[in-house]
Amino acid sequence: MWKPTQQESHWFHGGNLHQSRHYSLYLSLHLKARYENLPTPVYALQEVHHLQ
């Protein structure tokens, strides 16, 4: 439901309000792991195609 982008702290979200409430626990665990410097690999992170 959530995917980070190449911009630091910029995420995309898809879904409706019910899904957001249901999956917020998993998102918070993912963010906590990042703040504690645990590896959180993301499937298919896109390459940057622009200079700035």
N, C-alpha and C. Protein backbone atom coordinates (compact mmCIF):
# COMPACT_ATOMS: atom_id res chain seq x y z
N MET A 1 0.81 -1.20 0.00
CA MET A 1 0.00 0.00 0.00
C MET A 1 0.85 1.26 0.00
N TRP A 2 2.01 1.21 0.60
CA TRP A 2 2.89 2.38 0.65
C TRP A 2 4.19 2.03 -0.01
N LYS A 3 4.77 3.00 -0.71
CA LYS A 3 6.06 2.77 -1.36
C LYS A 3 6.88 4.05 -1.29
N PRO A 4 8.12 3.93 -0.81
CA PRO A 4 8.97 5.13 -0.79
C PRO A 4 9.43 5.50 -2.19
N THR A 5 9.79 6.74 -2.37
CA THR A 5 10.33 7.21 -3.64
C THR A 5 11.81 7.54 -3.45
N GLN A 6 12.44 8.02 -4.49
CA GLN A 6 13.84 8.41 -4.38
C GLN A 6 14.01 9.66 -3.52
N GLN A 7 12.96 10.45 -3.35
CA GLN A 7 13.01 11.62 -2.47
C GLN A 7 12.94 11.15 -1.03
N GLU A 8 13.82 11.65 -0.19
CA GLU A 8 13.83 11.24 1.21
C GLU A 8 12.52 11.62 1.89
N SER A 9 11.94 10.70 2.61
CA SER A 9 10.70 10.88 3.37
C SER A 9 9.48 11.16 2.49
N HIS A 10 9.53 10.80 1.21
CA HIS A 10 8.39 10.99 0.31
C HIS A 10 7.87 9.61 -0.10
N TRP A 11 6.64 9.32 0.27
CA TRP A 11 6.04 8.02 0.00
C TRP A 11 4.78 8.19 -0.84
N PHE A 12 4.44 7.16 -1.61
CA PHE A 12 3.17 7.11 -2.32
C PHE A 12 2.26 6.11 -1.61
N HIS A 13 0.98 6.42 -1.60
CA HIS A 13 -0.01 5.57 -0.95
C HIS A 13 -1.13 5.29 -1.92
N GLY A 14 -1.60 4.06 -1.93
CA GLY A 14 -2.74 3.70 -2.74
C GLY A 14 -3.78 3.00 -1.90
N GLY A 15 -5.03 3.20 -2.21
CA GLY A 15 -6.08 2.54 -1.46
C GLY A 15 -7.08 3.54 -0.89
N ASN A 16 -8.01 3.02 -0.11
CA ASN A 16 -9.04 3.89 0.46
C ASN A 16 -8.83 4.02 1.98
N LEU A 17 -9.73 4.72 2.65
CA LEU A 17 -9.58 5.00 4.07
C LEU A 17 -9.57 3.71 4.90
N HIS A 18 -10.42 2.76 4.58
CA HIS A 18 -10.45 1.51 5.34
C HIS A 18 -9.11 0.78 5.24
N GLN A 19 -8.56 0.72 4.05
CA GLN A 19 -7.27 0.05 3.88
C GLN A 19 -6.18 0.81 4.61
N SER A 20 -6.24 2.13 4.62
CA SER A 20 -5.24 2.94 5.32
C SER A 20 -5.25 2.62 6.80
N ARG A 21 -6.43 2.53 7.37
CA ARG A 21 -6.53 2.26 8.80
C ARG A 21 -6.05 0.84 9.12
N HIS A 22 -6.37 -0.10 8.26
CA HIS A 22 -5.99 -1.48 8.50
C HIS A 22 -4.47 -1.67 8.41
N TYR A 23 -3.84 -1.07 7.40
CA TYR A 23 -2.42 -1.30 7.16
C TYR A 23 -1.51 -0.29 7.87
N SER A 24 -2.05 0.64 8.64
CA SER A 24 -1.21 1.63 9.32
C SER A 24 -0.26 0.97 10.31
N LEU A 25 -0.65 -0.15 10.92
CA LEU A 25 0.24 -0.87 11.83
C LEU A 25 1.50 -1.33 11.10
N TYR A 26 1.33 -1.90 9.92
CA TYR A 26 2.47 -2.41 9.16
C TYR A 26 3.37 -1.27 8.67
N LEU A 27 2.75 -0.16 8.30
CA LEU A 27 3.54 1.00 7.91
C LEU A 27 4.35 1.52 9.09
N SER A 28 3.75 1.60 10.26
CA SER A 28 4.48 2.11 11.43
C SER A 28 5.64 1.18 11.79
N LEU A 29 5.46 -0.13 11.66
CA LEU A 29 6.56 -1.06 11.93
C LEU A 29 7.69 -0.88 10.91
N HIS A 30 7.32 -0.65 9.67
CA HIS A 30 8.31 -0.43 8.62
C HIS A 30 9.10 0.85 8.90
N LEU A 31 8.41 1.92 9.28
CA LEU A 31 9.09 3.18 9.58
C LEU A 31 9.97 3.06 10.81
N LYS A 32 9.51 2.35 11.83
CA LYS A 32 10.32 2.15 13.03
C LYS A 32 11.61 1.41 12.67
N ALA A 33 11.51 0.40 11.82
CA ALA A 33 12.70 -0.35 11.41
C ALA A 33 13.68 0.56 10.68
N ARG A 34 13.17 1.46 9.85
CA ARG A 34 14.06 2.39 9.15
C ARG A 34 14.75 3.34 10.12
N TYR A 35 14.01 3.84 11.10
CA TYR A 35 14.61 4.75 12.09
C TYR A 35 15.65 4.05 12.95
N GLU A 36 15.53 2.75 13.11
CA GLU A 36 16.50 1.99 13.90
C GLU A 36 17.59 1.38 13.01
N ASN A 37 17.66 1.84 11.76
CA ASN A 37 18.68 1.41 10.79
C ASN A 37 18.68 -0.08 10.51
N LEU A 38 17.51 -0.68 10.49
CA LEU A 38 17.38 -2.07 10.08
C LEU A 38 17.14 -2.10 8.58
N PRO A 39 17.63 -3.11 7.87
CA PRO A 39 17.43 -3.14 6.42
C PRO A 39 15.96 -3.30 6.07
N THR A 40 15.49 -2.46 5.17
CA THR A 40 14.09 -2.52 4.70
C THR A 40 14.10 -2.45 3.18
N PRO A 41 14.44 -3.55 2.52
CA PRO A 41 14.52 -3.52 1.05
C PRO A 41 13.15 -3.26 0.43
N VAL A 42 13.17 -2.54 -0.66
CA VAL A 42 11.95 -2.20 -1.39
C VAL A 42 12.03 -2.86 -2.75
N TYR A 43 10.98 -3.56 -3.13
CA TYR A 43 10.95 -4.24 -4.42
C TYR A 43 10.80 -3.21 -5.53
N ALA A 44 11.66 -3.30 -6.51
CA ALA A 44 11.58 -2.51 -7.75
C ALA A 44 11.59 -1.01 -7.51
N LEU A 45 12.56 -0.52 -6.75
CA LEU A 45 12.73 0.92 -6.59
C LEU A 45 13.20 1.48 -7.92
N GLN A 46 12.51 2.48 -8.44
CA GLN A 46 12.78 3.01 -9.76
C GLN A 46 14.06 3.81 -9.80
N GLU A 47 14.73 3.78 -10.96
CA GLU A 47 15.92 4.58 -11.16
C GLU A 47 15.52 6.04 -11.41
N VAL A 48 16.44 6.94 -11.11
CA VAL A 48 16.21 8.36 -11.35
C VAL A 48 16.59 8.67 -12.79
N HIS A 49 15.69 9.32 -13.54
CA HIS A 49 15.94 9.62 -14.95
C HIS A 49 16.08 11.12 -15.20
N HIS A 50 16.25 11.89 -14.16
CA HIS A 50 16.41 13.34 -14.33
C HIS A 50 17.63 13.79 -13.54
N LEU A 51 18.09 14.97 -13.80
CA LEU A 51 19.33 15.44 -13.18
C LEU A 51 19.10 16.12 -11.83
N GLN A 52 17.96 16.74 -11.62
CA GLN A 52 17.72 17.44 -10.36
C GLN A 52 16.54 16.88 -9.63
